[in-house]
Amino acid sequence: MEITNITVTKVSTDSWGEFVEFPLVTVMSKFDEYNNADGDNPQARRKWMGPVGDVVVEVETDAGITGVGVGNWATGSIETIVDETLSKLVVGEDPHERERLWDMMYRATIPFGRKGAAIEAISAVDLALWDIAGKEADKPVYELLGGPVTDEIPCYASNLHPVDHEKLEREAQNYAEKGFDAMKLRFRYGPEAGRKGMKENEQIVKTVRDAVGDEIAIAGDAYMGWDVRYAKKMLKRLERYDMEWVEEPVIPDDIDGYAEVREASNVPISGGEHEFTRWGHKELLEREAVDILQPDIHRCGGLTELLKIDSMASARDVPVIPHSGTNPTLHFIAASTNAPMAEYFPIPEWYKERQGEQESTYADAIYANPPQAEGGTVPLPETVGLSSATNPEALEHYSVE
């Protein structure tokens, strides 16, 4: 089999719906013009996130099999990297040689890569190659990885937004009633909001804990919006709520900060969503900077690299709970003994009520068969390959020239 062509489609962040406009702390919250903590600047995140959220890469072969992979974010840079560099390396090659092709792509992009857009582009191509392998074998990819280790995948509800306390309480209760044993909230404030912001962050956690009781696991996401000093103070206040983890308390390059925060806190620390390749995650592990590793299959280097990251984490008894719960991610989790659950993004009931007859959009809008949770679990993907078929109408609607 030979790779004959690669095509790329850029997808607008509009496909992620209005959730990017809700108030929460982010890595950019320290700048007033990009801060929407009080909900009065809904375009704050769109202004720095850029127009492109996902990039769909299709790898065609002379056997008539086309693999689909998605690179996440990078504001369209993935298209340029695939067109100008990666396509020249892989067109004409055997798609079965995934390890060799990954190494070629990584080495060729070292002068401008190693992290960020180049690795996200490699991720998309790598996922397309795995998709080809599954389709050729007429099997789900997790069958190629040694078979499933579970019949269904536990997941946590990851859409608790602090729009107001009443909605937050109602949504948390709704998720618990639907069978989710775990859920993740977003913090609203960072250091720029001072003690008043710290009090509100604590109230957000208290609201959720009071709403669901002691038996439900609660995590929180700071999305890189804190610093070490603030994180240590904030986590001290949160210890009483028995949180499962706090995610990305500092920027990803501050690994010393991660380690310092983890050492000072009884709340488990997670990170890795914005880290890349086995080498980046190896440093997090060796420095004992995190209790939970959260690589993104669409960013870290694809499935080929995620398998290596998982092996390193497993050897250190650090669980891998990947960022995002796309179908390709589920294939990985299904075959790993070190990945206990998936992230899942239910649409909040209050948001559905607000939308009325209008169709709700969400992060998986471009996929033909996005995961659907039932009773706090998602079934194993049944389709062959990585179950990454796209929704042509949504793709056309959200595509960016």
Protein backbone atom coordinates (compact mmCIF):
# COMPACT_ATOMS: atom_id res chain seq x y z
CA MET A 1 0.00 0.00 0.00
CA GLU A 2 1.20 3.51 -0.77
CA ILE A 3 0.16 6.97 0.38
CA THR A 4 -0.96 8.96 -2.64
CA ASN A 5 -2.28 12.26 -1.31
CA ILE A 6 -3.01 14.33 1.79
CA THR A 7 -5.78 16.92 2.10
CA VAL A 8 -6.33 19.39 4.92
CA THR A 9 -9.48 21.16 6.13
CA LYS A 10 -9.37 23.94 8.72
CA VAL A 11 -12.32 24.11 11.13
CA SER A 12 -13.54 27.28 12.83
CA THR A 13 -13.67 27.63 16.61
CA ASP A 14 -17.37 28.38 16.04
CA SER A 15 -17.84 24.60 16.00
CA TRP A 16 -17.05 24.66 19.73
CA GLY A 17 -20.21 26.65 20.36
CA GLU A 18 -20.66 29.37 22.96
CA PHE A 19 -18.75 27.52 25.68
CA VAL A 20 -15.62 29.50 24.81
CA GLU A 21 -17.50 32.61 25.92
CA PHE A 22 -18.37 31.50 29.46
CA PRO A 23 -16.51 33.01 32.43
CA LEU A 24 -13.45 31.16 33.68
CA VAL A 25 -9.82 31.79 34.47
CA THR A 26 -7.37 31.18 31.60
CA VAL A 27 -3.70 31.60 30.85
CA MET A 28 -4.56 35.06 29.43
CA SER A 29 -6.64 36.31 32.36
CA LYS A 30 -3.81 38.53 33.64
CA PHE A 31 -4.52 40.88 30.72
CA ASP A 32 -7.68 42.95 31.17
CA GLU A 33 -8.73 42.81 27.52
CA TYR A 34 -8.66 38.98 27.58
CA ASN A 35 -10.26 38.49 30.98
CA ASN A 36 -13.89 37.33 31.13
CA ALA A 37 -13.99 36.24 34.78
CA ASP A 38 -17.00 38.46 35.49
CA GLY A 39 -18.83 37.44 32.31
CA ASP A 40 -18.83 40.96 30.87
CA ASN A 41 -16.32 40.28 28.07
CA PRO A 42 -17.66 37.18 26.26
CA GLN A 43 -15.38 37.61 23.23
CA ALA A 44 -12.23 37.57 25.40
CA ARG A 45 -11.19 34.00 24.58
CA ARG A 46 -12.13 34.18 20.91
CA LYS A 47 -9.83 37.19 20.53
CA TRP A 48 -6.73 35.20 21.45
CA MET A 49 -7.76 31.69 20.46
CA GLY A 50 -7.88 32.56 16.79
CA PRO A 51 -10.33 31.51 14.10
CA VAL A 52 -9.23 27.87 13.70
CA GLY A 53 -9.93 25.25 16.36
CA ASP A 54 -9.34 21.90 14.64
CA VAL A 55 -7.61 20.81 11.46
CA VAL A 56 -8.83 17.65 9.71
CA VAL A 57 -6.17 15.74 7.80
CA GLU A 58 -7.14 13.01 5.31
CA VAL A 59 -4.46 10.59 4.10
CA GLU A 60 -5.38 8.79 0.89
CA THR A 61 -3.87 5.50 -0.34
CA ASP A 62 -3.72 3.59 -3.60
CA ALA A 63 -5.80 0.85 -1.94
CA GLY A 64 -8.79 3.16 -1.79
CA ILE A 65 -8.53 3.53 2.00
CA THR A 66 -8.51 7.05 3.43
CA GLY A 67 -7.48 7.69 7.01
CA VAL A 68 -8.78 10.66 8.99
CA GLY A 69 -6.85 12.45 11.72
CA VAL A 70 -7.41 15.69 13.57
CA GLY A 71 -4.88 18.14 14.94
CA ASN A 72 -6.16 20.43 17.63
CA TRP A 73 -5.81 24.20 17.70
CA ALA A 74 -2.64 25.85 16.25
CA THR A 75 -4.83 28.47 14.48
CA GLY A 76 -4.38 26.96 11.04
CA SER A 77 -0.60 26.50 11.18
CA ILE A 78 -1.14 22.75 10.90
CA GLU A 79 -2.31 23.20 7.31
CA THR A 80 0.92 24.93 6.30
CA ILE A 81 3.11 22.36 8.07
CA VAL A 82 1.28 19.42 6.49
CA ASP A 83 1.25 20.95 3.01
CA GLU A 84 4.81 22.28 2.96
CA THR A 85 6.70 19.66 4.99
CA LEU A 86 4.89 16.52 6.14
CA SER A 87 3.15 15.70 2.86
CA LYS A 88 6.49 15.70 1.06
CA LEU A 89 7.81 13.15 3.56
CA VAL A 90 4.92 10.70 3.62
CA VAL A 91 3.35 10.77 0.14
CA GLY A 92 4.74 7.76 -1.70
CA GLU A 93 5.52 5.92 1.55
CA ASP A 94 3.96 2.81 3.08
CA PRO A 95 1.31 3.83 5.67
CA HIS A 96 2.07 0.70 7.72
CA GLU A 97 5.48 2.10 8.68
CA ARG A 98 4.12 4.39 11.37
CA GLU A 99 7.18 4.39 13.65
CA ARG A 100 9.52 5.26 10.80
CA LEU A 101 7.22 7.94 9.42
CA TRP A 102 6.74 9.49 12.87
CA ASP A 103 10.50 9.70 13.36
CA MET A 104 10.94 11.25 9.92
CA MET A 105 8.26 13.87 10.55
CA TYR A 106 9.62 14.73 13.98
CA ARG A 107 13.21 15.10 12.82
CA ALA A 108 12.25 17.16 9.77
CA THR A 109 10.33 19.65 11.91
CA ILE A 110 12.90 20.03 14.71
CA PRO A 111 14.16 23.41 13.38
CA PHE A 112 10.71 24.94 13.88
CA GLY A 113 8.92 22.33 15.98
CA ARG A 114 9.51 20.10 19.01
CA LYS A 115 6.38 21.51 20.65
CA GLY A 116 3.21 23.21 19.50
CA ALA A 117 1.90 23.37 15.95
CA ALA A 118 4.43 21.01 14.37
CA ILE A 119 3.64 18.21 16.83
CA GLU A 120 -0.09 18.84 16.43
CA ALA A 121 0.36 18.43 12.67
CA ILE A 122 2.30 15.19 13.20
CA SER A 123 -0.49 14.05 15.55
CA ALA A 124 -3.09 14.47 12.82
CA VAL A 125 -1.08 12.53 10.23
CA ASP A 126 -0.24 9.79 12.73
CA LEU A 127 -3.90 9.35 13.68
CA ALA A 128 -4.83 9.10 10.01
CA LEU A 129 -2.24 6.31 9.59
CA TRP A 130 -3.72 4.39 12.52
CA ASP A 131 -7.17 4.91 11.03
CA ILE A 132 -5.93 3.35 7.80
CA ALA A 133 -4.53 0.37 9.70
CA GLY A 134 -7.83 -0.29 11.45
CA LYS A 135 -9.85 0.09 8.26
CA GLU A 136 -7.55 -2.27 6.38
CA ALA A 137 -7.86 -4.87 9.16
CA ASP A 138 -11.62 -4.22 9.38
CA LYS A 139 -11.24 -3.79 13.14
CA PRO A 140 -11.43 -1.00 15.71
CA VAL A 141 -7.92 0.25 16.45
CA TYR A 142 -8.11 -0.88 20.08
CA GLU A 143 -8.18 -4.44 18.74
CA LEU A 144 -4.80 -3.75 17.13
CA LEU A 145 -3.45 -2.56 20.48
CA GLY A 146 -4.03 -5.88 22.23
CA GLY A 147 -7.78 -5.73 22.62
CA PRO A 148 -10.04 -3.94 25.09
CA VAL A 149 -9.39 -4.17 28.82
CA THR A 150 -12.95 -3.13 29.67
CA ASP A 151 -16.47 -3.47 28.30
CA GLU A 152 -17.27 0.23 28.76
CA ILE A 153 -15.29 3.32 29.68
CA PRO A 154 -16.04 5.34 32.83
CA CYS A 155 -16.09 9.07 32.18
CA TYR A 156 -16.33 12.31 34.09
CA ALA A 157 -18.69 15.16 33.22
CA SER A 158 -16.48 18.06 32.18
CA ASN A 159 -18.82 20.96 31.58
CA LEU A 160 -19.43 22.60 34.96
CA HIS A 161 -19.09 26.30 34.14
CA PRO A 162 -19.36 28.92 36.89
CA VAL A 163 -21.96 31.07 35.15
CA ASP A 164 -23.80 31.47 38.47
CA HIS A 165 -24.19 29.39 41.62
CA GLU A 166 -27.78 28.33 40.99
CA LYS A 167 -27.04 26.97 37.51
CA LEU A 168 -23.83 25.36 38.76
CA GLU A 169 -25.65 23.60 41.60
CA ARG A 170 -28.43 22.40 39.31
CA GLU A 171 -26.03 21.12 36.67
CA ALA A 172 -23.88 19.24 39.20
CA GLN A 173 -26.97 17.54 40.60
CA ASN A 174 -28.12 16.70 37.07
CA TYR A 175 -24.81 15.01 36.25
CA ALA A 176 -24.96 12.99 39.47
CA GLU A 177 -28.52 11.92 38.70
CA LYS A 178 -27.39 10.80 35.25
CA GLY A 179 -24.89 8.42 36.81
CA PHE A 180 -21.62 10.35 36.61
CA ASP A 181 -19.39 9.43 39.54
CA ALA A 182 -16.98 12.26 38.73
CA MET A 183 -17.18 15.77 37.33
CA LYS A 184 -14.91 18.74 36.67
CA LEU A 185 -15.57 22.41 37.32
CA ARG A 186 -13.79 25.52 36.10
CA PHE A 187 -12.34 28.14 38.38
CA ARG A 188 -13.28 31.74 37.69
CA TYR A 189 -10.42 33.82 39.04
CA GLY A 190 -6.64 34.06 39.20
CA PRO A 191 -4.14 36.22 41.11
CA GLU A 192 -5.37 39.42 39.48
CA ALA A 193 -8.67 39.14 41.44
CA GLY A 194 -6.98 38.96 44.84
CA ARG A 195 -8.65 37.56 47.97
CA LYS A 196 -12.13 38.27 46.66
CA GLY A 197 -11.43 35.97 43.70
CA MET A 198 -10.02 33.28 45.97
CA LYS A 199 -13.19 33.37 48.04
CA GLU A 200 -15.32 32.98 44.91
CA ASN A 201 -13.19 30.10 43.63
CA GLU A 202 -13.70 28.33 46.93
CA GLN A 203 -17.43 29.02 46.81
CA ILE A 204 -17.61 27.39 43.36
CA VAL A 205 -16.08 24.20 44.76
CA LYS A 206 -18.27 24.34 47.87
CA THR A 207 -21.39 24.77 45.73
CA VAL A 208 -20.61 21.64 43.74
CA ARG A 209 -19.58 19.60 46.79
CA ASP A 210 -22.75 20.57 48.67
CA ALA A 211 -24.82 19.76 45.59
CA VAL A 212 -23.52 16.23 45.02
CA GLY A 213 -22.36 15.07 48.45
CA ASP A 214 -19.21 13.23 49.46
CA GLU A 215 -19.47 10.21 47.15
CA ILE A 216 -18.87 12.07 43.87
CA ALA A 217 -15.34 12.87 42.72
CA ILE A 218 -14.79 16.57 41.98
CA ALA A 219 -11.92 17.99 39.95
CA GLY A 220 -11.15 21.60 39.02
CA ASP A 221 -9.40 23.26 36.09
CA ALA A 222 -7.29 26.40 36.51
CA TYR A 223 -6.29 26.37 32.82
CA MET A 224 -2.79 27.73 33.47
CA GLY A 225 -4.27 30.90 34.99
CA TRP A 226 -2.58 30.80 38.40
CA ASP A 227 1.00 31.24 39.56
CA VAL A 228 2.88 29.24 42.18
CA ARG A 229 2.23 31.56 45.12
CA TYR A 230 -1.46 31.89 44.33
CA ALA A 231 -1.88 28.16 43.63
CA LYS A 232 -0.38 27.19 46.99
CA LYS A 233 -2.73 29.54 48.84
CA MET A 234 -5.75 28.52 46.80
CA LEU A 235 -5.14 24.80 47.18
CA LYS A 236 -4.78 25.18 50.95
CA ARG A 237 -8.30 26.59 51.01
CA LEU A 238 -9.59 23.75 48.85
CA GLU A 239 -8.16 20.80 50.80
CA ARG A 240 -11.32 20.51 52.92
CA TYR A 241 -13.40 19.61 49.83
CA ASP A 242 -11.57 16.36 49.05
CA MET A 243 -10.91 17.19 45.40
CA GLU A 244 -9.80 14.50 42.96
CA TRP A 245 -7.35 16.85 41.26
CA VAL A 246 -6.66 20.45 40.29
CA GLU A 247 -5.60 20.79 36.69
CA GLU A 248 -2.88 22.99 35.19
CA PRO A 249 -2.37 25.38 38.12
CA VAL A 250 0.58 27.09 36.38
CA ILE A 251 1.90 27.48 32.83
CA PRO A 252 3.24 24.20 31.38
CA ASP A 253 6.85 25.33 31.07
CA ASP A 254 7.10 26.07 34.80
CA ILE A 255 7.83 22.50 35.78
CA ASP A 256 9.68 23.67 38.88
CA GLY A 257 6.46 25.48 39.81
CA TYR A 258 4.39 22.37 39.20
CA ALA A 259 6.67 20.36 41.47
CA GLU A 260 6.61 23.05 44.18
CA VAL A 261 2.82 23.27 44.12
CA ARG A 262 2.44 19.49 44.23
CA GLU A 263 4.90 19.20 47.13
CA ALA A 264 3.02 21.84 49.13
CA SER A 265 -0.51 20.56 48.53
CA ASN A 266 -2.61 17.61 49.64
CA VAL A 267 -4.77 18.11 46.55
CA PRO A 268 -3.54 15.96 43.63
CA ILE A 269 -2.13 17.96 40.71
CA SER A 270 -2.67 17.09 37.06
CA GLY A 271 -1.22 18.41 33.83
CA GLY A 272 0.01 17.55 30.36
CA GLU A 273 -2.78 18.85 28.13
CA HIS A 274 -0.38 21.45 26.77
CA GLU A 275 2.71 19.26 26.79
CA PHE A 276 4.18 17.52 23.76
CA THR A 277 5.91 14.23 22.90
CA ARG A 278 7.42 11.59 25.17
CA TRP A 279 10.26 13.96 26.07
CA GLY A 280 8.00 16.68 27.48
CA HIS A 281 5.94 14.21 29.50
CA LYS A 282 9.09 12.40 30.63
CA GLU A 283 10.23 15.58 32.33
CA LEU A 284 6.91 15.97 34.15
CA LEU A 285 7.22 12.40 35.38
CA GLU A 286 10.89 12.50 36.35
CA ARG A 287 10.46 15.74 38.26
CA GLU A 288 7.44 14.27 40.08
CA ALA A 289 5.50 17.34 39.02
CA VAL A 290 2.08 15.72 38.61
CA ASP A 291 -0.08 13.05 40.21
CA ILE A 292 -2.08 12.54 37.01
CA LEU A 293 -0.88 12.91 33.42
CA GLN A 294 -3.30 14.38 30.85
CA PRO A 295 -1.85 14.23 27.33
CA ASP A 296 -4.06 15.06 24.35
CA ILE A 297 -3.90 12.52 21.53
CA HIS A 298 -4.52 15.31 18.99
CA ARG A 299 -1.60 17.39 20.29
CA CYS A 300 1.04 15.21 21.95
CA GLY A 301 2.16 13.35 18.81
CA GLY A 302 -0.79 11.11 18.02
CA LEU A 303 -1.45 7.55 19.12
CA THR A 304 2.09 6.38 18.33
CA GLU A 305 3.50 8.84 20.85
CA LEU A 306 0.69 8.52 23.40
CA LEU A 307 1.42 4.80 23.73
CA LYS A 308 5.00 5.64 24.70
CA ILE A 309 3.86 8.31 27.16
CA ASP A 310 1.44 5.86 28.75
CA SER A 311 4.17 3.24 29.17
CA MET A 312 6.41 5.73 30.96
CA ALA A 313 3.58 6.84 33.23
CA SER A 314 2.54 3.30 33.99
CA ALA A 315 6.07 2.40 35.05
CA ARG A 316 5.85 5.21 37.62
CA ASP A 317 2.31 4.33 38.71
CA VAL A 318 0.98 7.65 37.41
CA PRO A 319 -2.46 7.29 35.80
CA VAL A 320 -3.14 8.79 32.38
CA ILE A 321 -6.49 10.55 32.03
CA PRO A 322 -6.27 12.13 28.57
CA HIS A 323 -7.54 15.58 27.77
CA SER A 324 -10.63 15.44 25.57
CA GLY A 325 -12.86 12.44 25.00
CA THR A 326 -12.91 12.07 21.23
CA ASN A 327 -13.32 8.65 19.63
CA PRO A 328 -9.58 8.29 18.89
CA THR A 329 -8.95 8.96 22.59
CA LEU A 330 -11.46 6.26 23.55
CA HIS A 331 -9.62 3.70 21.41
CA PHE A 332 -6.47 4.40 23.43
CA ILE A 333 -8.27 4.23 26.79
CA ALA A 334 -10.04 1.01 25.81
CA ALA A 335 -6.71 -0.77 25.40
CA SER A 336 -4.79 0.74 28.36
CA THR A 337 -4.69 -0.64 31.90
CA ASN A 338 -3.34 2.74 33.07
CA ALA A 339 -6.13 5.02 31.78
CA PRO A 340 -9.03 4.79 34.25
CA MET A 341 -11.50 7.21 32.68
CA ALA A 342 -12.33 9.53 29.81
CA GLU A 343 -13.25 13.19 29.72
CA TYR A 344 -16.79 13.79 28.48
CA PHE A 345 -18.54 17.04 27.60
CA PRO A 346 -22.29 16.84 28.21
CA ILE A 347 -24.26 19.90 27.12
CA PRO A 348 -25.60 21.59 30.27
CA GLU A 349 -29.36 21.40 30.68
CA TRP A 350 -29.64 25.13 31.35
CA TYR A 351 -27.81 25.78 28.09
CA LYS A 352 -30.22 23.55 26.18
CA GLU A 353 -33.11 25.46 27.75
CA ARG A 354 -31.60 28.76 26.71
CA GLN A 355 -31.07 27.56 23.15
CA GLY A 356 -34.68 26.39 22.82
CA GLU A 357 -35.30 25.15 19.28
CA GLN A 358 -31.86 26.21 18.14
CA GLU A 359 -29.43 23.31 17.76
CA SER A 360 -26.73 23.21 20.42
CA THR A 361 -23.16 23.01 19.18
CA TYR A 362 -20.29 21.42 21.08
CA ALA A 363 -16.67 20.40 20.71
CA ASP A 364 -17.44 17.19 18.78
CA ALA A 365 -19.71 18.84 16.19
CA ILE A 366 -17.49 17.88 13.24
CA TYR A 367 -17.56 14.15 14.03
CA ALA A 368 -20.16 11.85 12.50
CA ASN A 369 -20.57 9.69 15.62
CA PRO A 370 -19.31 11.52 18.72
CA PRO A 371 -19.26 9.58 22.01
CA GLN A 372 -22.54 9.38 23.92
CA ALA A 373 -22.45 8.70 27.65
CA GLU A 374 -25.07 6.65 29.44
CA GLY A 375 -25.04 6.18 33.20
CA GLY A 376 -21.60 7.72 33.56
CA THR A 377 -19.90 5.50 30.99
CA VAL A 378 -19.36 5.51 27.24
CA PRO A 379 -19.47 2.32 25.16
CA LEU A 380 -16.44 1.13 23.25
CA PRO A 381 -16.38 2.56 19.72
CA GLU A 382 -17.77 -0.07 17.33
CA THR A 383 -16.67 1.27 13.96
CA VAL A 384 -13.43 0.19 12.33
CA GLY A 385 -10.33 2.36 12.40
CA LEU A 386 -10.29 5.20 14.92
CA SER A 387 -14.01 5.94 14.51
CA SER A 388 -12.95 9.39 13.28
CA ALA A 389 -15.39 9.84 10.39
CA THR A 390 -16.49 13.44 10.11
CA ASN A 391 -19.94 14.97 9.62
CA PRO A 392 -19.73 16.35 6.06
CA GLU A 393 -22.43 18.98 6.61
CA ALA A 394 -20.84 20.27 9.82
CA LEU A 395 -17.38 20.18 8.25
CA GLU A 396 -18.57 22.22 5.29
CA HIS A 397 -20.42 24.65 7.55
CA TYR A 398 -17.48 25.27 9.89
CA SER A 399 -14.61 25.04 7.42
CA VAL A 400 -12.30 28.05 7.11
CA GLU A 401 -10.62 29.09 3.88
